[in-house]
Every structure is written in structure tokens, then in C-alpha cells.
Amino acid sequence: MASLLEFVSGFLIMNSMAHLIIGLTGARFLSLFGYSATANIAYSIGCMVAGLAILFVRQDPSAVVSNGLVLGCVSLWVIFLLTGRFFFAIFANDR
């Protein structure tokens, strides 16, 4: 059962990255909250919170915080959240 919950947690965390990128680029993609960019960003935040909540409930919080894979995923997600629109605006015209 623990492996299944860890799988679901990882799935939610990585799914949040895809919806964050789609939301930041303004592409239309179906999420739980609709097709808009804002809906995808909100869904991304929800997936990230749910995935981390599962990890923190199932494991010792210090083990989660010291897990390099989790820290890498969350760090990249935060970097994309903070800088994604900026970099998309710079590189979007190079197509």
C-alpha cells in the first residue's frame, strides 16, 4: 500500500509540472478546473499540494525534506512558477 501511495504522490507532483508549464505558456489544455491558463495553474498547485501532503502523511517529514528527488522536483516547479512567463515571453518569438 505504501508503494501505491508513493506512486500516486509522484504522479501528482510530476503531473503538476506539466500543467504548470501549459498554464504558463497560455496553451489550452483540459484540467480539472477547465481549459484556461489560470485553471491549469490552479490545478498544478492543487496537484503539488496533494502529492506533497501524501508524502508528508505517509513518511517522516524529515525524510521527505531530505529526499533529493522530492527537493529537485519541488525546486524546479517553484523556479518554473516564478520565472516561466518571463522566459516564455523572451523565447516565444523565436519560433
N, C-alpha and C. Protein backbone atom coordinates (compact mmCIF):
# COMPACT_ATOMS: atom_id res chain seq x y z
N MET A 1 0.82 -1.20 0.00
CA MET A 1 0.00 0.00 0.00
C MET A 1 0.86 1.26 0.00
N ALA A 2 1.98 1.22 0.74
CA ALA A 2 2.86 2.39 0.80
C ALA A 2 3.43 2.71 -0.58
N SER A 3 3.79 1.68 -1.33
CA SER A 3 4.34 1.90 -2.67
C SER A 3 3.31 2.53 -3.59
N LEU A 4 2.06 2.12 -3.46
CA LEU A 4 1.00 2.69 -4.29
C LEU A 4 0.81 4.17 -3.95
N LEU A 5 0.82 4.50 -2.68
CA LEU A 5 0.66 5.91 -2.28
C LEU A 5 1.86 6.75 -2.73
N GLU A 6 3.05 6.18 -2.67
CA GLU A 6 4.22 6.90 -3.16
C GLU A 6 4.13 7.10 -4.67
N PHE A 7 3.62 6.10 -5.38
CA PHE A 7 3.42 6.24 -6.83
C PHE A 7 2.43 7.36 -7.13
N VAL A 8 1.31 7.36 -6.43
CA VAL A 8 0.29 8.40 -6.64
C VAL A 8 0.86 9.77 -6.31
N SER A 9 1.63 9.85 -5.24
CA SER A 9 2.26 11.11 -4.87
C SER A 9 3.20 11.60 -5.97
N GLY A 10 4.05 10.72 -6.46
CA GLY A 10 4.97 11.08 -7.54
C GLY A 10 4.23 11.46 -8.81
N PHE A 11 3.16 10.74 -9.10
CA PHE A 11 2.35 11.05 -10.28
C PHE A 11 1.76 12.45 -10.17
N LEU A 12 1.22 12.77 -9.01
CA LEU A 12 0.62 14.10 -8.81
C LEU A 12 1.66 15.21 -8.91
N ILE A 13 2.82 14.98 -8.31
CA ILE A 13 3.87 16.01 -8.34
C ILE A 13 4.34 16.25 -9.77
N MET A 14 4.58 15.19 -10.53
CA MET A 14 5.06 15.37 -11.90
C MET A 14 3.94 15.87 -12.82
N ASN A 15 2.71 15.48 -12.57
CA ASN A 15 1.59 15.99 -13.35
C ASN A 15 1.42 17.49 -13.12
N SER A 16 1.74 17.92 -11.92
CA SER A 16 1.64 19.35 -11.63
C SER A 16 2.62 20.16 -12.48
N MET A 17 3.78 19.58 -12.77
CA MET A 17 4.76 20.27 -13.60
C MET A 17 4.22 20.48 -15.02
N ALA A 18 3.61 19.46 -15.58
CA ALA A 18 3.06 19.58 -16.93
C ALA A 18 1.97 20.65 -17.00
N HIS A 19 1.08 20.66 -16.03
CA HIS A 19 0.01 21.65 -16.04
C HIS A 19 0.53 23.05 -15.75
N LEU A 20 1.58 23.15 -14.96
CA LEU A 20 2.18 24.46 -14.71
C LEU A 20 2.76 25.03 -16.01
N ILE A 21 3.50 24.22 -16.74
CA ILE A 21 4.09 24.68 -18.00
C ILE A 21 3.01 25.05 -19.00
N ILE A 22 1.99 24.22 -19.11
CA ILE A 22 0.89 24.52 -20.03
C ILE A 22 0.19 25.81 -19.62
N GLY A 23 -0.03 25.99 -18.33
CA GLY A 23 -0.68 27.20 -17.86
C GLY A 23 0.16 28.44 -18.09
N LEU A 24 1.46 28.33 -17.86
CA LEU A 24 2.33 29.49 -18.04
C LEU A 24 2.48 29.88 -19.50
N THR A 25 2.40 28.91 -20.40
CA THR A 25 2.53 29.23 -21.82
C THR A 25 1.21 29.70 -22.42
N GLY A 26 0.13 29.55 -21.68
CA GLY A 26 -1.16 30.01 -22.17
C GLY A 26 -1.84 29.04 -23.12
N ALA A 27 -1.30 27.84 -23.25
CA ALA A 27 -1.93 26.85 -24.13
C ALA A 27 -3.23 26.36 -23.51
N ARG A 28 -4.14 25.96 -24.38
CA ARG A 28 -5.42 25.42 -23.90
C ARG A 28 -5.27 23.92 -23.71
N PHE A 29 -5.54 23.48 -22.49
CA PHE A 29 -5.43 22.06 -22.17
C PHE A 29 -6.40 21.79 -21.03
N LEU A 30 -7.10 20.69 -21.13
CA LEU A 30 -8.11 20.37 -20.13
C LEU A 30 -7.48 20.00 -18.80
N SER A 31 -7.96 20.64 -17.76
CA SER A 31 -7.59 20.27 -16.39
C SER A 31 -8.88 20.08 -15.61
N LEU A 32 -8.75 19.74 -14.38
CA LEU A 32 -9.93 19.54 -13.53
C LEU A 32 -10.77 20.82 -13.43
N PHE A 33 -10.13 21.98 -13.57
CA PHE A 33 -10.82 23.26 -13.41
C PHE A 33 -11.17 23.93 -14.73
N GLY A 34 -10.92 23.30 -15.86
CA GLY A 34 -11.30 23.87 -17.15
C GLY A 34 -10.12 23.97 -18.10
N TYR A 35 -10.31 24.77 -19.16
CA TYR A 35 -9.33 24.88 -20.24
C TYR A 35 -8.39 26.07 -20.12
N SER A 36 -8.64 27.01 -19.26
CA SER A 36 -7.86 28.25 -19.26
C SER A 36 -6.48 28.06 -18.64
N ALA A 37 -5.62 29.03 -18.90
CA ALA A 37 -4.28 29.01 -18.31
C ALA A 37 -4.36 29.08 -16.79
N THR A 38 -5.24 29.92 -16.29
CA THR A 38 -5.41 30.04 -14.84
C THR A 38 -5.89 28.73 -14.23
N ALA A 39 -6.78 28.05 -14.92
CA ALA A 39 -7.27 26.76 -14.43
C ALA A 39 -6.14 25.73 -14.37
N ASN A 40 -5.27 25.75 -15.36
CA ASN A 40 -4.15 24.81 -15.35
C ASN A 40 -3.15 25.13 -14.24
N ILE A 41 -2.91 26.39 -14.00
CA ILE A 41 -2.00 26.76 -12.91
C ILE A 41 -2.62 26.38 -11.56
N ALA A 42 -3.91 26.63 -11.40
CA ALA A 42 -4.58 26.25 -10.15
C ALA A 42 -4.55 24.73 -9.97
N TYR A 43 -4.78 23.99 -11.04
CA TYR A 43 -4.73 22.54 -10.97
C TYR A 43 -3.31 22.06 -10.63
N SER A 44 -2.32 22.74 -11.18
CA SER A 44 -0.93 22.41 -10.89
C SER A 44 -0.63 22.59 -9.41
N ILE A 45 -1.07 23.69 -8.86
CA ILE A 45 -0.85 23.94 -7.43
C ILE A 45 -1.57 22.87 -6.60
N GLY A 46 -2.78 22.54 -6.99
CA GLY A 46 -3.53 21.50 -6.27
C GLY A 46 -2.84 20.15 -6.31
N CYS A 47 -2.33 19.78 -7.49
CA CYS A 47 -1.61 18.50 -7.61
C CYS A 47 -0.34 18.50 -6.75
N MET A 48 0.38 19.60 -6.76
CA MET A 48 1.61 19.67 -5.97
C MET A 48 1.29 19.55 -4.48
N VAL A 49 0.30 20.27 -4.03
CA VAL A 49 -0.08 20.21 -2.61
C VAL A 49 -0.55 18.81 -2.23
N ALA A 50 -1.37 18.20 -3.08
CA ALA A 50 -1.87 16.85 -2.79
C ALA A 50 -0.73 15.83 -2.77
N GLY A 51 0.16 15.92 -3.74
CA GLY A 51 1.29 14.99 -3.79
C GLY A 51 2.20 15.11 -2.58
N LEU A 52 2.50 16.34 -2.20
CA LEU A 52 3.35 16.54 -1.03
C LEU A 52 2.62 16.14 0.26
N ALA A 53 1.33 16.39 0.31
CA ALA A 53 0.55 16.01 1.50
C ALA A 53 0.59 14.50 1.71
N ILE A 54 0.46 13.74 0.62
CA ILE A 54 0.53 12.28 0.73
C ILE A 54 1.90 11.86 1.27
N LEU A 55 2.95 12.48 0.75
CA LEU A 55 4.29 12.13 1.23
C LEU A 55 4.47 12.46 2.71
N PHE A 56 4.02 13.64 3.11
CA PHE A 56 4.21 14.06 4.49
C PHE A 56 3.37 13.25 5.46
N VAL A 57 2.21 12.78 5.02
CA VAL A 57 1.36 11.96 5.89
C VAL A 57 1.93 10.55 6.02
N ARG A 58 2.44 10.01 4.92
CA ARG A 58 2.91 8.63 4.90
C ARG A 58 4.32 8.46 5.46
N GLN A 59 5.13 9.50 5.42
CA GLN A 59 6.53 9.37 5.83
C GLN A 59 6.87 10.42 6.87
N ASP A 60 7.99 10.21 7.49
CA ASP A 60 8.51 11.19 8.44
C ASP A 60 8.86 12.47 7.67
N PRO A 61 8.38 13.63 8.12
CA PRO A 61 8.66 14.87 7.39
C PRO A 61 10.15 15.12 7.14
N SER A 62 11.00 14.74 8.08
CA SER A 62 12.43 14.96 7.85
C SER A 62 12.95 14.08 6.71
N ALA A 63 12.36 12.90 6.53
CA ALA A 63 12.76 12.03 5.42
C ALA A 63 12.32 12.62 4.09
N VAL A 64 11.16 13.25 4.07
CA VAL A 64 10.68 13.87 2.83
C VAL A 64 11.54 15.06 2.47
N VAL A 65 11.85 15.88 3.45
CA VAL A 65 12.63 17.10 3.20
C VAL A 65 14.06 16.76 2.78
N SER A 66 14.60 15.66 3.27
CA SER A 66 15.97 15.29 2.92
C SER A 66 16.05 14.43 1.65
N ASN A 67 14.92 14.12 1.04
CA ASN A 67 14.89 13.32 -0.18
C ASN A 67 15.26 14.21 -1.36
N GLY A 68 16.38 13.92 -1.99
CA GLY A 68 16.87 14.75 -3.09
C GLY A 68 15.94 14.78 -4.28
N LEU A 69 15.28 13.68 -4.57
CA LEU A 69 14.36 13.64 -5.71
C LEU A 69 13.17 14.57 -5.49
N VAL A 70 12.62 14.52 -4.30
CA VAL A 70 11.49 15.40 -3.98
C VAL A 70 11.94 16.86 -4.00
N LEU A 71 13.08 17.14 -3.40
CA LEU A 71 13.59 18.52 -3.40
C LEU A 71 13.84 19.03 -4.81
N GLY A 72 14.38 18.17 -5.67
CA GLY A 72 14.62 18.57 -7.05
C GLY A 72 13.33 18.88 -7.79
N CYS A 73 12.33 18.03 -7.62
CA CYS A 73 11.03 18.25 -8.29
C CYS A 73 10.38 19.54 -7.80
N VAL A 74 10.35 19.72 -6.51
CA VAL A 74 9.70 20.90 -5.94
C VAL A 74 10.48 22.17 -6.31
N SER A 75 11.81 22.09 -6.29
CA SER A 75 12.62 23.26 -6.64
C SER A 75 12.40 23.67 -8.09
N LEU A 76 12.40 22.70 -8.99
CA LEU A 76 12.17 23.02 -10.40
C LEU A 76 10.77 23.59 -10.61
N TRP A 77 9.79 23.05 -9.91
CA TRP A 77 8.42 23.54 -10.01
C TRP A 77 8.34 25.00 -9.56
N VAL A 78 8.99 25.32 -8.45
CA VAL A 78 8.98 26.70 -7.94
C VAL A 78 9.70 27.63 -8.91
N ILE A 79 10.82 27.18 -9.46
CA ILE A 79 11.55 28.01 -10.43
C ILE A 79 10.68 28.29 -11.65
N PHE A 80 10.01 27.26 -12.17
CA PHE A 80 9.12 27.47 -13.31
C PHE A 80 7.97 28.39 -12.95
N LEU A 81 7.43 28.23 -11.76
CA LEU A 81 6.31 29.07 -11.33
C LEU A 81 6.73 30.54 -11.29
N LEU A 82 7.93 30.80 -10.80
CA LEU A 82 8.39 32.18 -10.64
C LEU A 82 8.93 32.79 -11.93
N THR A 83 9.52 31.99 -12.81
CA THR A 83 10.20 32.55 -13.98
C THR A 83 9.60 32.11 -15.32
N GLY A 84 8.63 31.23 -15.30
CA GLY A 84 8.11 30.65 -16.54
C GLY A 84 7.57 31.66 -17.53
N ARG A 85 6.74 32.56 -17.08
CA ARG A 85 6.17 33.55 -18.00
C ARG A 85 7.25 34.47 -18.58
N PHE A 86 8.22 34.80 -17.77
CA PHE A 86 9.32 35.66 -18.22
C PHE A 86 10.08 34.99 -19.36
N PHE A 87 10.50 33.74 -19.16
CA PHE A 87 11.27 33.06 -20.19
C PHE A 87 10.42 32.73 -21.42
N PHE A 88 9.16 32.44 -21.21
CA PHE A 88 8.29 32.19 -22.37
C PHE A 88 8.16 33.46 -23.20
N ALA A 89 8.04 34.60 -22.56
CA ALA A 89 7.93 35.87 -23.29
C ALA A 89 9.20 36.14 -24.10
N ILE A 90 10.34 35.78 -23.56
CA ILE A 90 11.61 36.01 -24.27
C ILE A 90 11.74 35.09 -25.48
N PHE A 91 11.44 33.81 -25.29
CA PHE A 91 11.72 32.83 -26.33
C PHE A 91 10.52 32.49 -27.21
N ALA A 92 9.35 33.01 -26.93
CA ALA A 92 8.16 32.67 -27.71
C ALA A 92 8.24 33.22 -29.13
N ASN A 93 8.93 34.31 -29.33
CA ASN A 93 9.01 34.93 -30.66
C ASN A 93 10.07 34.29 -31.54
N ASP A 94 10.84 33.35 -31.02
CA ASP A 94 11.91 32.72 -31.80
C ASP A 94 11.42 31.55 -32.64
N ARG A 95 10.15 31.29 -32.67
CA ARG A 95 9.65 30.13 -33.42
C ARG A 95 9.76 30.32 -34.89
